[in-house]
Protein backbone atom coordinates (compact mmCIF):
# COMPACT_ATOMS: atom_id res chain seq x y z
CA MET A 1 0.00 0.00 0.00
CA GLY A 2 1.56 3.29 -1.07
CA THR A 3 0.31 6.82 -1.61
CA PRO A 4 -1.98 8.07 -4.40
CA HIS A 5 1.10 8.81 -6.52
CA ILE A 6 3.78 6.34 -5.34
CA ASN A 7 3.28 2.56 -5.25
CA ALA A 8 6.46 1.65 -3.37
CA ALA A 9 6.32 -0.42 -0.21
CA LYS A 10 7.02 1.24 3.11
CA GLY A 11 10.80 1.29 3.64
CA ALA A 12 11.56 1.04 -0.08
CA PHE A 13 13.29 4.43 -0.21
CA ALA A 14 16.65 5.39 1.26
CA LYS A 15 16.91 8.35 3.64
CA THR A 16 18.32 10.44 0.78
CA VAL A 17 16.60 10.76 -2.59
CA LEU A 18 18.12 12.36 -5.69
CA MET A 19 15.35 13.98 -7.71
CA PRO A 20 15.74 14.89 -11.39
CA GLY A 21 12.70 16.14 -13.27
CA ASP A 22 12.76 13.64 -16.13
CA PRO A 23 11.78 9.98 -15.45
CA LYS A 24 14.24 8.82 -18.12
CA ARG A 25 16.98 10.77 -16.39
CA ALA A 26 16.11 9.06 -13.11
CA LYS A 27 16.53 5.71 -14.88
CA TRP A 28 19.85 6.83 -16.37
CA ILE A 29 21.17 7.98 -12.97
CA ALA A 30 20.18 4.72 -11.29
CA GLU A 31 21.70 2.54 -14.02
CA THR A 32 24.87 4.63 -14.40
CA PHE A 33 25.81 5.51 -10.83
CA LEU A 34 24.24 2.83 -8.61
CA HIS A 35 24.46 -0.95 -8.33
CA ASP A 36 21.99 -3.57 -7.09
CA VAL A 37 19.27 -1.24 -8.29
CA GLU A 38 15.59 -1.96 -7.71
CA LEU A 39 12.65 -0.21 -9.36
CA VAL A 40 10.39 0.66 -6.41
CA THR A 41 7.68 2.82 -8.01
CA ASP A 42 6.37 3.50 -11.51
CA VAL A 43 2.98 5.19 -11.11
CA ARG A 44 2.33 7.49 -14.12
CA ASN A 45 5.78 6.46 -15.42
CA ILE A 46 7.41 8.53 -12.68
CA PHE A 47 10.16 6.04 -11.97
CA GLY A 48 11.78 5.61 -8.57
CA TYR A 49 14.80 3.42 -7.83
CA THR A 50 16.82 2.39 -4.80
CA GLY A 51 20.39 1.13 -5.01
CA TYR A 52 23.90 1.57 -3.66
CA THR A 53 26.79 3.86 -4.56
CA LYS A 54 30.29 2.54 -5.18
CA ASP A 55 31.01 3.47 -1.54
CA GLY A 56 28.13 1.35 -0.30
CA LYS A 57 25.70 4.16 0.55
CA LYS A 58 22.03 3.35 0.06
CA VAL A 59 20.49 6.04 -2.15
CA SER A 60 17.21 6.43 -4.01
CA VAL A 61 16.50 8.27 -7.25
CA MET A 62 13.04 9.42 -8.26
CA ALA A 63 11.72 11.82 -10.89
CA SER A 64 9.67 14.86 -9.89
CA GLY A 65 8.01 15.78 -13.16
CA MET A 66 7.82 19.47 -14.10
CA GLY A 67 6.76 22.40 -11.97
CA LEU A 68 6.08 23.26 -8.34
CA PRO A 69 2.82 21.27 -8.00
CA SER A 70 4.46 18.07 -9.24
CA ILE A 71 7.59 18.22 -7.09
CA GLY A 72 5.40 19.42 -4.23
CA ILE A 73 3.30 16.25 -4.35
CA TYR A 74 6.19 13.80 -4.66
CA SER A 75 8.46 15.45 -2.09
CA TYR A 76 5.60 15.72 0.44
CA GLU A 77 4.74 12.04 0.10
CA LEU A 78 8.40 11.00 0.31
CA TYR A 79 8.99 13.11 3.42
CA THR A 80 5.80 12.15 5.24
CA TYR A 81 4.83 8.61 4.20
CA TYR A 82 8.24 7.16 3.34
CA ASP A 83 10.27 8.92 6.07
CA VAL A 84 12.81 10.35 3.63
CA GLU A 85 15.06 12.89 5.37
CA THR A 86 16.85 14.58 2.46
CA ILE A 87 15.91 15.34 -1.14
CA ILE A 88 18.56 16.67 -3.51
CA ARG A 89 17.11 18.04 -6.71
CA VAL A 90 19.48 17.50 -9.65
CA GLY A 91 18.20 19.49 -12.59
CA THR A 92 18.93 21.95 -15.37
CA CYS A 93 18.33 25.67 -15.70
CA GLY A 94 18.78 28.78 -17.79
CA THR A 95 21.12 31.45 -16.45
CA TYR A 96 20.34 35.16 -16.12
CA GLN A 97 23.95 36.25 -15.51
CA PRO A 98 26.70 36.98 -18.07
CA HIS A 99 29.48 35.52 -15.90
CA ILE A 100 27.73 32.15 -15.62
CA LYS A 101 28.47 29.85 -18.55
CA LEU A 102 26.96 26.71 -20.04
CA PHE A 103 27.61 23.62 -17.89
CA ASP A 104 28.50 25.62 -14.78
CA VAL A 105 26.79 24.26 -11.68
CA LEU A 106 24.48 26.39 -9.53
CA VAL A 107 23.98 25.64 -5.84
CA GLY A 108 20.58 27.07 -5.00
CA VAL A 109 21.07 28.56 -1.54
CA GLY A 110 17.67 30.25 -1.82
CA ALA A 111 14.70 30.18 -4.19
CA CYS A 112 12.50 33.07 -5.33
CA THR A 113 9.18 32.54 -7.11
CA ASP A 114 6.21 34.15 -8.82
CA SER A 115 4.03 31.31 -7.53
CA SER A 116 1.38 31.72 -4.83
CA TRP A 117 2.77 28.63 -3.07
CA GLY A 118 3.77 30.46 0.10
CA THR A 119 0.31 31.92 0.72
CA GLN A 120 -0.91 28.60 2.13
CA TYR A 121 1.07 29.28 5.33
CA GLY A 122 -0.96 32.38 6.13
CA VAL A 123 2.02 34.47 7.20
CA ARG A 124 2.00 38.26 6.88
CA GLY A 125 4.79 38.45 4.38
CA THR A 126 6.73 36.38 1.86
CA PHE A 127 8.47 33.23 3.05
CA SER A 128 12.12 32.95 1.98
CA ALA A 129 12.66 29.35 0.89
CA LEU A 130 16.20 28.16 1.65
CA ALA A 131 18.32 25.08 1.14
CA ASP A 132 19.88 23.17 4.01
CA PHE A 133 23.03 25.20 4.66
CA GLU A 134 25.34 22.29 5.52
CA LEU A 135 24.36 20.41 2.36
CA ALA A 136 24.82 23.53 0.24
CA MET A 137 28.23 24.19 1.76
CA LYS A 138 29.36 20.58 1.24
CA ALA A 139 28.26 20.66 -2.38
CA TYR A 140 29.89 24.01 -3.10
CA ASN A 141 33.20 22.94 -1.54
CA ALA A 142 33.14 19.61 -3.37
CA TYR A 143 32.71 21.29 -6.76
CA LYS A 144 35.50 23.74 -5.94
CA ALA A 145 37.80 20.86 -4.97
CA LYS A 146 37.11 19.17 -8.32
CA ASN A 147 37.67 22.43 -10.25
CA ILE A 148 34.11 22.34 -11.58
CA PRO A 149 32.82 25.90 -12.18
CA VAL A 150 30.23 26.51 -9.46
CA HIS A 151 28.13 29.45 -8.22
CA ALA A 152 26.02 29.73 -5.07
CA GLY A 153 23.08 32.05 -4.52
CA ASN A 154 19.43 32.68 -5.38
CA ILE A 155 17.53 30.90 -8.12
CA PHE A 156 14.08 31.67 -9.53
CA SER A 157 11.35 29.02 -9.55
CA ALA A 158 8.96 30.13 -12.28
CA ASP A 159 5.29 29.22 -12.38
CA VAL A 160 5.11 29.91 -16.14
CA PHE A 161 7.47 28.55 -18.80
CA TYR A 162 6.21 30.61 -21.76
CA ASP A 163 6.00 33.96 -19.99
CA ILE A 164 4.15 36.68 -21.93
CA ASP A 165 6.43 39.33 -20.40
CA LYS A 166 9.66 38.56 -22.23
CA ASP A 167 11.71 41.06 -20.21
CA MET A 168 10.69 40.20 -16.64
CA TRP A 169 13.82 38.07 -16.21
CA LYS A 170 15.93 41.23 -16.42
CA MET A 171 14.68 42.47 -13.04
CA TRP A 172 15.46 39.12 -11.42
CA ALA A 173 18.91 39.34 -13.00
CA LYS A 174 19.38 42.87 -11.61
CA LEU A 175 18.58 41.46 -8.16
CA GLY A 176 21.42 38.97 -8.57
CA VAL A 177 19.32 35.87 -9.20
CA MET A 178 21.53 33.31 -10.94
CA GLY A 179 18.99 31.56 -13.15
CA VAL A 180 15.57 30.02 -13.61
CA GLU A 181 13.94 26.61 -13.19
CA MET A 182 10.47 25.54 -12.03
CA GLU A 183 10.65 23.35 -8.93
CA SER A 184 12.95 24.36 -6.09
CA TYR A 185 10.71 26.80 -4.21
CA GLY A 186 8.09 24.11 -3.63
CA LEU A 187 10.72 21.59 -2.53
CA TYR A 188 12.36 24.03 -0.10
CA CYS A 189 8.99 25.03 1.38
CA ASN A 190 7.99 21.41 1.97
CA ALA A 191 11.33 20.70 3.62
CA ALA A 192 11.03 23.75 5.87
CA TYR A 193 7.44 23.02 6.87
CA LEU A 194 8.15 19.35 7.61
CA GLY A 195 11.53 19.83 9.30
CA LYS A 196 13.44 17.97 6.58
CA LYS A 197 16.47 18.75 4.38
CA ALA A 198 16.58 19.82 0.74
CA LEU A 199 19.08 21.12 -1.79
CA CYS A 200 18.86 22.13 -5.43
CA LEU A 201 21.82 21.55 -7.76
CA LEU A 202 21.47 22.79 -11.33
CA THR A 203 23.55 22.38 -14.45
CA VAL A 204 23.29 25.41 -16.75
CA THR A 205 22.06 24.30 -20.17
CA ASP A 206 20.67 27.59 -21.52
CA SER A 207 21.50 31.29 -21.25
CA PHE A 208 19.27 34.36 -21.42
CA ILE A 209 22.40 36.40 -22.25
CA ASP A 210 24.32 34.35 -24.81
CA HIS A 211 22.08 32.92 -27.53
CA SER A 212 24.96 31.82 -29.76
CA ARG A 213 24.62 28.15 -28.82
CA LYS A 214 22.61 25.70 -26.76
CA ALA A 215 23.70 22.49 -25.11
CA THR A 216 23.36 19.32 -27.17
CA VAL A 217 21.78 16.21 -25.69
CA GLN A 218 25.24 14.64 -25.29
CA GLU A 219 26.65 17.76 -23.63
CA ARG A 220 23.71 17.90 -21.22
CA GLN A 221 24.35 14.29 -20.21
CA GLU A 222 28.07 14.84 -19.63
CA GLY A 223 27.46 18.06 -17.71
CA LEU A 224 24.89 16.38 -15.52
CA ALA A 225 27.28 13.54 -14.73
CA HIS A 226 29.69 15.87 -12.89
CA MET A 227 26.83 17.37 -10.90
CA ILE A 228 25.36 13.99 -9.96
CA GLU A 229 28.70 12.59 -8.80
CA VAL A 230 28.90 15.34 -6.18
CA ALA A 231 25.25 14.90 -5.22
CA LEU A 232 25.96 11.24 -4.47
CA GLU A 233 29.14 12.19 -2.63
CA ILE A 234 27.27 14.44 -0.18
CA ALA A 235 24.28 12.09 0.20
CA GLU A 236 23.87 11.23 3.87
């Protein structure tokens, strides 16, 4: 007996779950970086796997789908029903900053949003959604040690992909926001509300500044590999 969206047995997930958006990417991560892998859930083709790293750590990988509502559902059920302690989102993003290049890694220390997600808490203000600081610091230092270009700071979790206002990103850029994706604010809010840990690691695959080239499928895969290796390294 699982949840409405996850059909894994109780205890099927490790305490740490890596969470890409794409179900096929979850499968690739599990098959490439883990051994003794077991498929534990496949509802709606959102695949979840549990296996072991080369160092013997038990880790799970599960897709989130796209957007705050989707990652909000899956992370909430993992945290509450399956007793997961840490979720590390491993995704891609577009950068707003000229000094950030394709395939650099962003450590999302905080997440901004245009979503109404935070209004459910009924606070008189806007909740600042943050990563777990120790996880963020470990990730940042690990990338530095491996000479992988890395940046830490704010990211923007957009509620709309095809935004009618084509210039709105420029104000976020002026405020120092590193780049845009669509999930992290919901994940960070769930972690904060439930007393759990979360971190967002993003490989830059698009730029709002430099339109001269975009990452190929092969380049995306190779860039993600470096990011995922560190995510597994810091998994608790």
